[in-house]
PDB file of N, CA and C in Angstrom:
ATOM      1  N   MET A   1     111.938 -49.928  50.241  1.00  0.00           N
ATOM      2  CA  MET A   1     112.137 -48.519  50.033  1.00  0.00           C
ATOM      3  C   MET A   1     110.830 -47.798  50.367  1.00  0.00           C
ATOM      4  N   THR A   2     110.924 -46.741  51.122  1.00  0.00           N
ATOM      5  CA  THR A   2     109.762 -45.928  51.436  1.00  0.00           C
ATOM      6  C   THR A   2     109.564 -44.901  50.330  1.00  0.00           C
ATOM      7  N   LEU A   3     108.360 -44.824  49.819  1.00  0.00           N
ATOM      8  CA  LEU A   3     108.034 -43.891  48.745  1.00  0.00           C
ATOM      9  C   LEU A   3     107.197 -42.747  49.282  1.00  0.00           C
ATOM     10  N   PRO A   4     107.196 -41.624  48.574  1.00  0.00           N
ATOM     11  CA  PRO A   4     106.292 -40.533  48.969  1.00  0.00           C
ATOM     12  C   PRO A   4     104.845 -41.007  48.935  1.00  0.00           C
ATOM     13  N   ASN A   5     104.010 -40.448  49.786  1.00  0.00           N
ATOM     14  CA  ASN A   5     102.613 -40.862  49.824  1.00  0.00           C
ATOM     15  C   ASN A   5     101.722 -40.027  48.918  1.00  0.00           C
ATOM     16  N   LYS A   6     102.324 -39.101  48.145  1.00  0.00           N
ATOM     17  CA  LYS A   6     101.566 -38.254  47.222  1.00  0.00           C
ATOM     18  C   LYS A   6     102.273 -38.200  45.878  1.00  0.00           C
ATOM     19  N   CYS A   7     101.513 -37.932  44.866  1.00  0.00           N
ATOM     20  CA  CYS A   7     102.035 -37.718  43.515  1.00  0.00           C
ATOM     21  C   CYS A   7     103.021 -36.540  43.529  1.00  0.00           C
ATOM     22  N   SER A   8     104.035 -36.575  42.670  1.00  0.00           N
ATOM     23  CA  SER A   8     105.047 -35.514  42.617  1.00  0.00           C
ATOM     24  C   SER A   8     104.576 -34.251  41.900  1.00  0.00           C
ATOM     25  N   HIS A   9     103.447 -34.310  41.239  1.00  0.00           N
ATOM     26  CA  HIS A   9     102.973 -33.168  40.445  1.00  0.00           C
ATOM     27  C   HIS A   9     102.425 -32.053  41.334  1.00  0.00           C
ATOM     28  N   ASN A  10     102.755 -30.825  40.974  1.00  0.00           N
ATOM     29  CA  ASN A  10     102.128 -29.671  41.612  1.00  0.00           C
ATOM     30  C   ASN A  10     101.906 -28.581  40.574  1.00  0.00           C
ATOM     31  N   THR A  11     100.845 -27.827  40.765  1.00  0.00           N
ATOM     32  CA  THR A  11     100.495 -26.733  39.873  1.00  0.00           C
ATOM     33  C   THR A  11     100.291 -25.494  40.718  1.00  0.00           C
ATOM     34  N   GLN A  12     101.010 -24.450  40.392  1.00  0.00           N
ATOM     35  CA  GLN A  12     100.912 -23.187  41.139  1.00  0.00           C
ATOM     36  C   GLN A  12     101.019 -23.435  42.642  1.00  0.00           C
ATOM     37  N   ARG A  13     102.004 -24.259  43.007  1.00  0.00           N
ATOM     38  CA  ARG A  13     102.317 -24.598  44.398  1.00  0.00           C
ATOM     39  C   ARG A  13     101.225 -25.395  45.105  1.00  0.00           C
ATOM     40  N   ILE A  14     100.322 -25.989  44.348  1.00  0.00           N
ATOM     41  CA  ILE A  14      99.300 -26.855  44.921  1.00  0.00           C
ATOM     42  C   ILE A  14      99.695 -28.289  44.602  1.00  0.00           C
ATOM     43  N   GLN A  15      99.966 -29.063  45.654  1.00  0.00           N
ATOM     44  CA  GLN A  15     100.434 -30.440  45.524  1.00  0.00           C
ATOM     45  C   GLN A  15      99.265 -31.373  45.238  1.00  0.00           C
ATOM     46  N   CYS A  16      99.460 -32.305  44.328  1.00  0.00           N
ATOM     47  CA  CYS A  16      98.469 -33.362  44.078  1.00  0.00           C
ATOM     48  C   CYS A  16      98.467 -34.295  45.290  1.00  0.00           C
ATOM     49  N   ASN A  17      97.307 -34.552  45.856  1.00  0.00           N
ATOM     50  CA  ASN A  17      97.195 -35.380  47.061  1.00  0.00           C
ATOM     51  C   ASN A  17      96.863 -36.840  46.774  1.00  0.00           C
ATOM     52  N   VAL A  18      96.828 -37.215  45.512  1.00  0.00           N
ATOM     53  CA  VAL A  18      96.481 -38.583  45.149  1.00  0.00           C
ATOM     54  C   VAL A  18      97.692 -39.499  45.375  1.00  0.00           C
ATOM     55  N   PRO A  19      97.478 -40.667  45.946  1.00  0.00           N
ATOM     56  CA  PRO A  19      98.602 -41.604  46.134  1.00  0.00           C
ATOM     57  C   PRO A  19      99.212 -41.993  44.780  1.00  0.00           C
ATOM     58  N   PRO A  20     100.512 -42.219  44.738  1.00  0.00           N
ATOM     59  CA  PRO A  20     101.168 -42.534  43.469  1.00  0.00           C
ATOM     60  C   PRO A  20     100.848 -43.941  42.979  1.00  0.00           C
ATOM     61  N   SER A  21     100.830 -44.070  41.650  1.00  0.00           N
ATOM     62  CA  SER A  21     100.635 -45.367  41.002  1.00  0.00           C
ATOM     63  C   SER A  21     101.852 -45.770  40.186  1.00  0.00           C
ATOM     64  N   TYR A  22     102.734 -44.800  39.899  1.00  0.00           N
ATOM     65  CA  TYR A  22     103.889 -45.046  39.046  1.00  0.00           C
ATOM     66  C   TYR A  22     105.159 -44.479  39.667  1.00  0.00           C
ATOM     67  N   LEU A  23     106.260 -45.181  39.427  1.00  0.00           N
ATOM     68  CA  LEU A  23     107.585 -44.770  39.876  1.00  0.00           C
ATOM     69  C   LEU A  23     108.415 -44.452  38.642  1.00  0.00           C
ATOM     70  N   PHE A  24     108.992 -43.259  38.595  1.00  0.00           N
ATOM     71  CA  PHE A  24     109.840 -42.836  37.481  1.00  0.00           C
ATOM     72  C   PHE A  24     111.298 -42.900  37.916  1.00  0.00           C
ATOM     73  N   SER A  25     112.116 -43.531  37.101  1.00  0.00           N
ATOM     74  CA  SER A  25     113.547 -43.557  37.369  1.00  0.00           C
ATOM     75  C   SER A  25     114.300 -43.349  36.063  1.00  0.00           C
ATOM     76  N   ILE A  26     115.542 -42.902  36.187  1.00  0.00           N
ATOM     77  CA  ILE A  26     116.413 -42.686  35.036  1.00  0.00           C
ATOM     78  C   ILE A  26     117.561 -43.678  35.130  1.00  0.00           C
ATOM     79  N   HIS A  27     117.795 -44.392  34.038  1.00  0.00           N
ATOM     80  CA  HIS A  27     118.893 -45.362  33.957  1.00  0.00           C
ATOM     81  C   HIS A  27     119.990 -44.780  33.080  1.00  0.00           C
ATOM     82  N   SER A  28     121.103 -44.453  33.695  1.00  0.00           N
ATOM     83  CA  SER A  28     122.307 -44.073  32.944  1.00  0.00           C
ATOM     84  C   SER A  28     123.392 -45.027  33.429  1.00  0.00           C
ATOM     85  N   ASN A  29     124.455 -44.540  34.001  1.00  0.00           N
ATOM     86  CA  ASN A  29     125.438 -45.447  34.623  1.00  0.00           C
ATOM     87  C   ASN A  29     124.867 -46.066  35.887  1.00  0.00           C
ATOM     88  N   GLU A  30     123.982 -45.337  36.542  1.00  0.00           N
ATOM     89  CA  GLU A  30     123.297 -45.790  37.754  1.00  0.00           C
ATOM     90  C   GLU A  30     121.808 -45.576  37.550  1.00  0.00           C
ATOM     91  N   GLU A  31     121.028 -46.010  38.523  1.00  0.00           N
ATOM     92  CA  GLU A  31     119.590 -45.785  38.470  1.00  0.00           C
ATOM     93  C   GLU A  31     119.229 -44.705  39.485  1.00  0.00           C
ATOM     94  N   PHE A  32     118.454 -43.720  39.044  1.00  0.00           N
ATOM     95  CA  PHE A  32     118.035 -42.618  39.900  1.00  0.00           C
ATOM     96  C   PHE A  32     116.517 -42.563  39.931  1.00  0.00           C
ATOM     97  N   MET A  33     115.919 -42.691  41.121  1.00  0.00           N
ATOM     98  CA  MET A  33     114.487 -42.491  41.246  1.00  0.00           C
ATOM     99  C   MET A  33     114.243 -40.986  41.252  1.00  0.00           C
ATOM    100  N   VAL A  34     113.386 -40.501  40.357  1.00  0.00           N
ATOM    101  CA  VAL A  34     113.216 -39.056  40.246  1.00  0.00           C
ATOM    102  C   VAL A  34     111.810 -38.563  40.569  1.00  0.00           C
ATOM    103  N   ALA A  35     110.791 -39.439  40.491  1.00  0.00           N
ATOM    104  CA  ALA A  35     109.425 -38.966  40.749  1.00  0.00           C
ATOM    105  C   ALA A  35     108.489 -40.144  40.945  1.00  0.00           C
ATOM    106  N   VAL A  36     107.334 -39.825  41.530  1.00  0.00           N
ATOM    107  CA  VAL A  36     106.214 -40.757  41.577  1.00  0.00           C
ATOM    108  C   VAL A  36     105.006 -40.016  41.038  1.00  0.00           C
ATOM    109  N   SER A  37     104.060 -40.766  40.482  1.00  0.00           N
ATOM    110  CA  SER A  37     102.939 -40.111  39.813  1.00  0.00           C
ATOM    111  C   SER A  37     101.656 -40.901  39.974  1.00  0.00           C
ATOM    112  N   CYS A  38     100.551 -40.173  40.013  1.00  0.00           N
ATOM    113  CA  CYS A  38      99.237 -40.803  39.939  1.00  0.00           C
ATOM    114  C   CYS A  38      98.911 -41.021  38.459  1.00  0.00           C
ATOM    115  N   GLU A  39      97.827 -41.708  38.196  1.00  0.00           N
ATOM    116  CA  GLU A  39      97.421 -42.009  36.814  1.00  0.00           C
ATOM    117  C   GLU A  39      97.209 -40.717  36.007  1.00  0.00           C
ATOM    118  N   GLU A  40      96.555 -39.743  36.609  1.00  0.00           N
ATOM    119  CA  GLU A  40      96.211 -38.505  35.910  1.00  0.00           C
ATOM    120  C   GLU A  40      97.433 -37.704  35.466  1.00  0.00           C
ATOM    121  N   HIS A  41      98.504 -37.713  36.240  1.00  0.00           N
ATOM    122  CA  HIS A  41      99.667 -36.871  35.948  1.00  0.00           C
ATOM    123  C   HIS A  41     100.842 -37.624  35.335  1.00  0.00           C
ATOM    124  N   LYS A  42     100.647 -38.864  34.952  1.00  0.00           N
ATOM    125  CA  LYS A  42     101.731 -39.686  34.426  1.00  0.00           C
ATOM    126  C   LYS A  42     102.409 -39.040  33.216  1.00  0.00           C
ATOM    127  N   MET A  43     101.650 -38.593  32.249  1.00  0.00           N
ATOM    128  CA  MET A  43     102.225 -37.994  31.035  1.00  0.00           C
ATOM    129  C   MET A  43     102.888 -36.647  31.333  1.00  0.00           C
ATOM    130  N   LEU A  44     102.309 -35.867  32.232  1.00  0.00           N
ATOM    131  CA  LEU A  44     102.894 -34.569  32.585  1.00  0.00           C
ATOM    132  C   LEU A  44     104.240 -34.740  33.281  1.00  0.00           C
ATOM    133  N   ILE A  45     104.335 -35.708  34.175  1.00  0.00           N
ATOM    134  CA  ILE A  45     105.604 -35.970  34.864  1.00  0.00           C
ATOM    135  C   ILE A  45     106.653 -36.440  33.864  1.00  0.00           C
ATOM    136  N   ASP A  46     106.269 -37.324  32.953  1.00  0.00           N
ATOM    137  CA  ASP A  46     107.196 -37.812  31.928  1.00  0.00           C
ATOM    138  C   ASP A  46     107.720 -36.646  31.083  1.00  0.00           C
ATOM    139  N   LYS A  47     106.831 -35.775  30.667  1.00  0.00           N
ATOM    140  CA  LYS A  47     107.214 -34.602  29.859  1.00  0.00           C
ATOM    141  C   LYS A  47     108.163 -33.690  30.643  1.00  0.00           C
ATOM    142  N   LYS A  48     107.889 -33.485  31.918  1.00  0.00           N
ATOM    143  CA  LYS A  48     108.728 -32.628  32.761  1.00  0.00           C
ATOM    144  C   LYS A  48     110.128 -33.219  32.924  1.00  0.00           C
ATOM    145  N   ILE A  49     110.219 -34.536  33.124  1.00  0.00           N
ATOM    146  CA  ILE A  49     111.527 -35.185  33.267  1.00  0.00           C
ATOM    147  C   ILE A  49     112.334 -35.014  31.993  1.00  0.00           C
ATOM    148  N   ARG A  50     111.690 -35.224  30.837  1.00  0.00           N
ATOM    149  CA  ARG A  50     112.386 -35.056  29.546  1.00  0.00           C
ATOM    150  C   ARG A  50     112.874 -33.615  29.365  1.00  0.00           C
ATOM    151  N   SER A  51     112.053 -32.667  29.774  1.00  0.00           N
ATOM    152  CA  SER A  51     112.436 -31.256  29.680  1.00  0.00           C
ATOM    153  C   SER A  51     113.648 -30.958  30.567  1.00  0.00           C
ATOM    154  N   LEU A  52     113.651 -31.496  31.772  1.00  0.00           N
ATOM    155  CA  LEU A  52     114.782 -31.276  32.681  1.00  0.00           C
ATOM    156  C   LEU A  52     116.047 -31.963  32.181  1.00  0.00           C
ATOM    157  N   GLN A  53     115.904 -33.095  31.509  1.00  0.00           N
ATOM    158  CA  GLN A  53     117.064 -33.759  30.914  1.00  0.00           C
ATOM    159  C   GLN A  53     117.653 -32.910  29.783  1.00  0.00           C
ATOM    160  N   GLU A  54     116.792 -32.306  28.960  1.00  0.00           N
ATOM    161  CA  GLU A  54     117.265 -31.452  27.870  1.00  0.00           C
ATOM    162  C   GLU A  54     118.024 -30.238  28.394  1.00  0.00           C
ATOM    163  N   LYS A  55     117.623 -29.753  29.570  1.00  0.00           N
ATOM    164  CA  LYS A  55     118.285 -28.594  30.185  1.00  0.00           C
ATOM    165  C   LYS A  55     119.473 -29.005  31.052  1.00  0.00           C
ATOM    166  N   ASN A  56     119.819 -30.289  31.031  1.00  0.00           N
ATOM    167  CA  ASN A  56     120.911 -30.854  31.830  1.00  0.00           C
ATOM    168  C   ASN A  56     120.709 -30.667  33.336  1.00  0.00           C
ATOM    169  N   LEU A  57     119.466 -30.629  33.768  1.00  0.00           N
ATOM    170  CA  LEU A  57     119.166 -30.530  35.192  1.00  0.00           C
ATOM    171  C   LEU A  57     118.950 -31.907  35.819  1.00  0.00           C
ATOM    172  N   LEU A  58     118.736 -32.914  34.969  1.00  0.00           N
ATOM    173  CA  LEU A  58     118.662 -34.311  35.388  1.00  0.00           C
ATOM    174  C   LEU A  58     119.611 -35.110  34.511  1.00  0.00           C
ATOM    175  N   PRO A  59     120.127 -36.234  35.010  1.00  0.00           N
ATOM    176  CA  PRO A  59     121.043 -37.037  34.202  1.00  0.00           C
ATOM    177  C   PRO A  59     120.379 -37.537  32.918  1.00  0.00           C
ATOM    178  N   LYS A  60     121.162 -37.612  31.853  1.00  0.00           N
ATOM    179  CA  LYS A  60     120.681 -38.208  30.604  1.00  0.00           C
ATOM    180  C   LYS A  60     120.548 -39.699  30.832  1.00  0.00           C
ATOM    181  N   GLY A  61     119.648 -40.313  30.127  1.00  0.00           N
ATOM    182  CA  GLY A  61     119.459 -41.750  30.238  1.00  0.00           C
ATOM    183  C   GLY A  61     118.032 -42.114  29.929  1.00  0.00           C
ATOM    184  N   LYS A  62     117.783 -43.411  29.928  1.00  0.00           N
ATOM    185  CA  LYS A  62     116.458 -43.922  29.623  1.00  0.00           C
ATOM    186  C   LYS A  62     115.538 -43.738  30.821  1.00  0.00           C
ATOM    187  N   ILE A  63     114.338 -43.213  30.575  1.00  0.00           N
ATOM    188  CA  ILE A  63     113.337 -43.046  31.627  1.00  0.00           C
ATOM    189  C   ILE A  63     112.549 -44.345  31.714  1.00  0.00           C
ATOM    190  N   GLN A  64     112.494 -44.904  32.907  1.00  0.00           N
ATOM    191  CA  GLN A  64     111.727 -46.122  33.129  1.00  0.00           C
ATOM    192  C   GLN A  64     110.547 -45.791  34.028  1.00  0.00           C
ATOM    193  N   VAL A  65     109.377 -46.280  33.648  1.00  0.00           N
ATOM    194  CA  VAL A  65     108.162 -46.086  34.434  1.00  0.00           C
ATOM    195  C   VAL A  65     107.694 -47.453  34.900  1.00  0.00           C
ATOM    196  N   GLN A  66     107.548 -47.599  36.211  1.00  0.00           N
ATOM    197  CA  GLN A  66     107.121 -48.874  36.787  1.00  0.00           C
ATOM    198  C   GLN A  66     105.832 -48.679  37.582  1.00  0.00           C
ATOM    199  N   ASP A  67     104.970 -49.666  37.519  1.00  0.00           N
ATOM    200  CA  ASP A  67     103.791 -49.658  38.377  1.00  0.00           C
ATOM    201  C   ASP A  67     104.235 -49.841  39.818  1.00  0.00           C
ATOM    202  N   ILE A  68     103.589 -49.126  40.711  1.00  0.00           N
ATOM    203  CA  ILE A  68     103.851 -49.312  42.136  1.00  0.00           C
ATOM    204  C   ILE A  68     102.910 -50.395  42.626  1.00  0.00           C
ATOM    205  N   LYS A  69     103.466 -51.389  43.234  1.00  0.00           N
ATOM    206  CA  LYS A  69     102.671 -52.486  43.765  1.00  0.00           C
ATOM    207  C   LYS A  69     102.601 -52.336  45.283  1.00  0.00           C
ATOM    208  N   ILE A  70     101.403 -52.255  45.789  1.00  0.00           N
ATOM    209  CA  ILE A  70     101.193 -52.118  47.222  1.00  0.00           C
ATOM    210  C   ILE A  70     101.304 -53.500  47.860  1.00  0.00           C
ATOM    211  N   VAL A  71     102.115 -53.600  48.881  1.00  0.00           N
ATOM    212  CA  VAL A  71     102.291 -54.847  49.604  1.00  0.00           C
ATOM    213  C   VAL A  71     101.695 -54.662  50.992  1.00  0.00           C
ATOM    214  N   THR A  72     100.810 -55.577  51.353  1.00  0.00           N
ATOM    215  CA  THR A  72     100.204 -55.509  52.688  1.00  0.00           C
ATOM    216  C   THR A  72     100.469 -56.804  53.424  1.00  0.00           C
ATOM    217  N   THR A  73     100.305 -56.729  54.705  1.00  0.00           N
ATOM    218  CA  THR A  73     100.499 -57.915  55.534  1.00  0.00           C
ATOM    219  C   THR A  73      99.496 -57.888  56.671  1.00  0.00           C
ATOM    220  N   ASN A  74      99.108 -59.044  57.129  1.00  0.00           N
ATOM    221  CA  ASN A  74      98.192 -59.150  58.262  1.00  0.00           C
ATOM    222  C   ASN A  74      98.915 -59.417  59.574  1.00  0.00           C
ATOM    223  N   CYS A  75     100.237 -59.526  59.514  1.00  0.00           N
ATOM    224  CA  CYS A  75     100.967 -59.885  60.726  1.00  0.00           C
ATOM    225  C   CYS A  75     101.213 -58.683  61.638  1.00  0.00           C
ATOM    226  N   ILE A  76     101.021 -57.476  61.154  1.00  0.00           N
ATOM    227  CA  ILE A  76     101.214 -56.288  61.983  1.00  0.00           C
ATOM    228  C   ILE A  76      99.836 -55.704  62.271  1.00  0.00           C
ATOM    229  N   LYS A  77      99.497 -55.631  63.521  1.00  0.00           N
ATOM    230  CA  LYS A  77      98.193 -55.116  63.919  1.00  0.00           C
ATOM    231  C   LYS A  77      98.327 -53.663  64.370  1.00  0.00           C
ATOM    232  N   PRO A  78      97.543 -52.763  63.791  1.00  0.00           N
ATOM    233  CA  PRO A  78      97.630 -51.352  64.195  1.00  0.00           C
ATOM    234  C   PRO A  78      97.038 -51.146  65.596  1.00  0.00           C
ATOM    235  N   THR A  79      97.538 -50.114  66.236  1.00  0.00           N
ATOM    236  CA  THR A  79      97.034 -49.733  67.555  1.00  0.00           C
ATOM    237  C   THR A  79      96.249 -48.437  67.414  1.00  0.00           C
ATOM    238  N   GLU A  80      95.632 -48.011  68.469  1.00  0.00           N
ATOM    239  CA  GLU A  80      94.887 -46.748  68.465  1.00  0.00           C
ATOM    240  C   GLU A  80      95.809 -45.578  68.152  1.00  0.00           C
ATOM    241  N   VAL A  81      97.043 -45.627  68.628  1.00  0.00           N
ATOM    242  CA  VAL A  81      98.027 -44.570  68.359  1.00  0.00           C
ATOM    243  C   VAL A  81      98.317 -44.486  66.858  1.00  0.00           C
ATOM    244  N   ASP A  82      98.386 -45.630  66.187  1.00  0.00           N
ATOM    245  CA  ASP A  82      98.607 -45.640  64.739  1.00  0.00           C
ATOM    246  C   ASP A  82      97.468 -44.947  64.007  1.00  0.00           C
ATOM    247  N   TYR A  83      96.238 -45.251  64.398  1.00  0.00           N
ATOM    248  CA  TYR A  83      95.089 -44.616  63.766  1.00  0.00           C
ATOM    249  C   TYR A  83      95.093 -43.101  63.992  1.00  0.00           C
ATOM    250  N   GLN A  84      95.451 -42.686  65.186  1.00  0.00           N
ATOM    251  CA  GLN A  84      95.517 -41.257  65.491  1.00  0.00           C
ATOM    252  C   GLN A  84      96.603 -40.578  64.663  1.00  0.00           C
ATOM    253  N   ASP A  85      97.739 -41.241  64.505  1.00  0.00           N
ATOM    254  CA  ASP A  85      98.826 -40.685  63.689  1.00  0.00           C
ATOM    255  C   ASP A  85      98.359 -40.461  62.261  1.00  0.00           C
ATOM    256  N   VAL A  86      97.701 -41.442  61.695  1.00  0.00           N
ATOM    257  CA  VAL A  86      97.200 -41.306  60.322  1.00  0.00           C
ATOM    258  C   VAL A  86      96.169 -40.192  60.242  1.00  0.00           C
ATOM    259  N   PHE A  87      95.248 -40.159  61.191  1.00  0.00           N
ATOM    260  CA  PHE A  87      94.186 -39.164  61.156  1.00  0.00           C
ATOM    261  C   PHE A  87      94.718 -37.739  61.307  1.00  0.00           C
ATOM    262  N   TYR A  88      95.578 -37.502  62.296  1.00  0.00           N
ATOM    263  CA  TYR A  88      96.032 -36.146  62.587  1.00  0.00           C
ATOM    264  C   TYR A  88      97.211 -35.678  61.738  1.00  0.00           C
ATOM    265  N   ASN A  89      98.065 -36.583  61.324  1.00  0.00           N
ATOM    266  CA  ASN A  89      99.283 -36.172  60.622  1.00  0.00           C
ATOM    267  C   ASN A  89      99.247 -36.395  59.125  1.00  0.00           C
ATOM    268  N   ARG A  90      98.337 -37.216  58.637  1.00  0.00           N
ATOM    269  CA  ARG A  90      98.339 -37.534  57.208  1.00  0.00           C
ATOM    270  C   ARG A  90      97.060 -37.181  56.503  1.00  0.00           C
ATOM    271  N   SER A  91      96.065 -36.735  57.205  1.00  0.00           N
ATOM    272  CA  SER A  91      94.798 -36.370  56.549  1.00  0.00           C
ATOM    273  C   SER A  91      94.939 -35.009  55.906  1.00  0.00           C
ATOM    274  N   PRO A  92      94.711 -34.911  54.576  1.00  0.00           N
ATOM    275  CA  PRO A  92      94.913 -33.649  53.876  1.00  0.00           C
ATOM    276  C   PRO A  92      93.874 -32.591  54.202  1.00  0.00           C
ATOM    277  N   ASN A  93      92.716 -32.968  54.749  1.00  0.00           N
ATOM    278  CA  ASN A  93      91.640 -32.011  54.959  1.00  0.00           C
ATOM    279  C   ASN A  93      91.611 -31.407  56.354  1.00  0.00           C
ATOM    280  N   LEU A  94      92.603 -31.674  57.168  1.00  0.00           N
ATOM    281  CA  LEU A  94      92.597 -31.127  58.527  1.00  0.00           C
ATOM    282  C   LEU A  94      93.313 -29.818  58.607  1.00  0.00           C
TER     283      LEU A  94
END
Protein backbone atom coordinates (compact mmCIF):
# COMPACT_ATOMS: atom_id res chain seq x y z
CA MET A 1 0.00 0.00 0.00
CA THR A 2 1.32 3.43 -0.88
CA LEU A 3 1.07 5.90 1.99
CA PRO A 4 1.15 9.69 1.96
CA ASN A 5 4.67 11.06 2.28
CA LYS A 6 3.62 13.74 4.80
CA CYS A 7 1.84 13.85 8.13
CA SER A 8 -1.94 14.45 7.87
CA HIS A 9 -1.87 17.37 10.32
CA ASN A 10 -2.31 20.92 9.12
CA THR A 11 -2.75 24.20 10.97
CA GLN A 12 -4.24 27.25 9.29
CA ARG A 13 -3.81 25.51 5.92
CA ILE A 14 -0.12 24.85 6.54
CA GLN A 15 0.67 21.16 5.98
CA CYS A 16 3.15 19.35 8.23
CA ASN A 17 6.02 18.24 5.97
CA VAL A 18 7.42 15.60 8.32
CA PRO A 19 7.25 12.00 7.05
CA PRO A 20 4.65 9.91 8.91
CA SER A 21 5.57 7.50 11.69
CA TYR A 22 2.07 6.26 12.54
CA LEU A 23 -0.92 4.91 10.63
CA PHE A 24 -4.41 5.53 12.04
CA SER A 25 -7.27 3.24 11.12
CA ILE A 26 -10.80 2.65 12.39
CA HIS A 27 -12.07 -0.89 12.94
CA SER A 28 -15.83 -1.30 12.76
CA ASN A 29 -17.36 -3.83 10.37
CA GLU A 30 -14.43 -3.05 8.07
CA GLU A 31 -11.08 -1.38 8.49
CA PHE A 32 -10.69 2.21 7.29
CA MET A 33 -7.33 3.96 7.05
CA VAL A 34 -8.05 7.55 8.04
CA ALA A 35 -4.73 9.33 8.68
CA VAL A 36 -0.98 9.19 9.03
CA SER A 37 0.97 11.13 11.61
CA CYS A 38 4.44 12.16 12.66
CA GLU A 39 5.53 11.74 16.29
CA GLU A 40 4.76 15.37 17.16
CA HIS A 41 1.13 15.31 15.94
CA LYS A 42 0.14 11.80 17.05
CA MET A 43 -2.07 12.94 19.95
CA LEU A 44 -3.64 15.79 17.94
CA ILE A 45 -4.62 13.44 15.11
CA ASP A 46 -6.07 10.95 17.61
CA LYS A 47 -8.12 13.72 19.25
CA LYS A 48 -9.36 14.95 15.85
CA ILE A 49 -10.46 11.45 14.79
CA ARG A 50 -12.40 11.01 18.05
CA SER A 51 -14.05 14.40 17.54
CA LEU A 52 -15.09 13.48 13.99
CA GLN A 53 -16.50 10.17 15.24
CA GLU A 54 -18.61 12.01 17.84
CA LYS A 55 -19.99 14.22 15.06
CA ASN A 56 -20.73 11.11 12.94
CA LEU A 57 -18.35 12.33 10.23
CA LEU A 58 -16.22 9.17 10.57
CA PRO A 59 -17.42 5.62 11.25
CA LYS A 60 -17.72 4.57 14.89
CA GLY A 61 -15.27 1.92 15.95
CA LYS A 62 -11.98 1.27 17.64
CA ILE A 63 -9.09 3.53 16.58
CA GLN A 64 -5.93 1.56 15.94
CA VAL A 65 -2.53 3.22 15.76
CA GLN A 66 0.29 1.30 14.11
CA ASP A 67 3.94 2.14 13.66
CA ILE A 68 4.91 2.59 10.04
CA LYS A 69 7.79 0.35 9.16
CA ILE A 70 9.95 1.49 6.28
CA VAL A 71 10.94 -1.33 3.96
CA THR A 72 13.95 -0.86 1.72
CA THR A 73 15.63 -3.02 -0.84
CA ASN A 74 18.96 -2.98 -2.62
CA CYS A 75 17.69 -4.75 -5.71
CA ILE A 76 16.32 -1.58 -7.33
CA LYS A 77 18.96 0.89 -8.39
CA PRO A 78 17.89 4.52 -8.85
CA THR A 79 18.74 6.39 -12.03
CA GLU A 80 19.54 10.06 -12.55
CA VAL A 81 15.91 10.61 -13.60
CA ASP A 82 14.76 9.23 -10.22
CA TYR A 83 16.99 11.66 -8.35
CA GLN A 84 15.71 14.56 -10.45
CA ASP A 85 12.10 13.53 -9.78
CA VAL A 86 12.70 13.54 -6.04
CA PHE A 87 14.58 16.83 -6.14
CA TYR A 88 12.15 18.78 -8.35
CA ASN A 89 8.80 17.23 -7.45
CA ARG A 90 9.14 16.27 -3.79
CA SER A 91 11.42 18.85 -2.23
CA PRO A 92 9.32 21.11 0.01
CA ASN A 93 11.71 24.08 -0.21
CA LEU A 94 11.63 24.61 -3.97
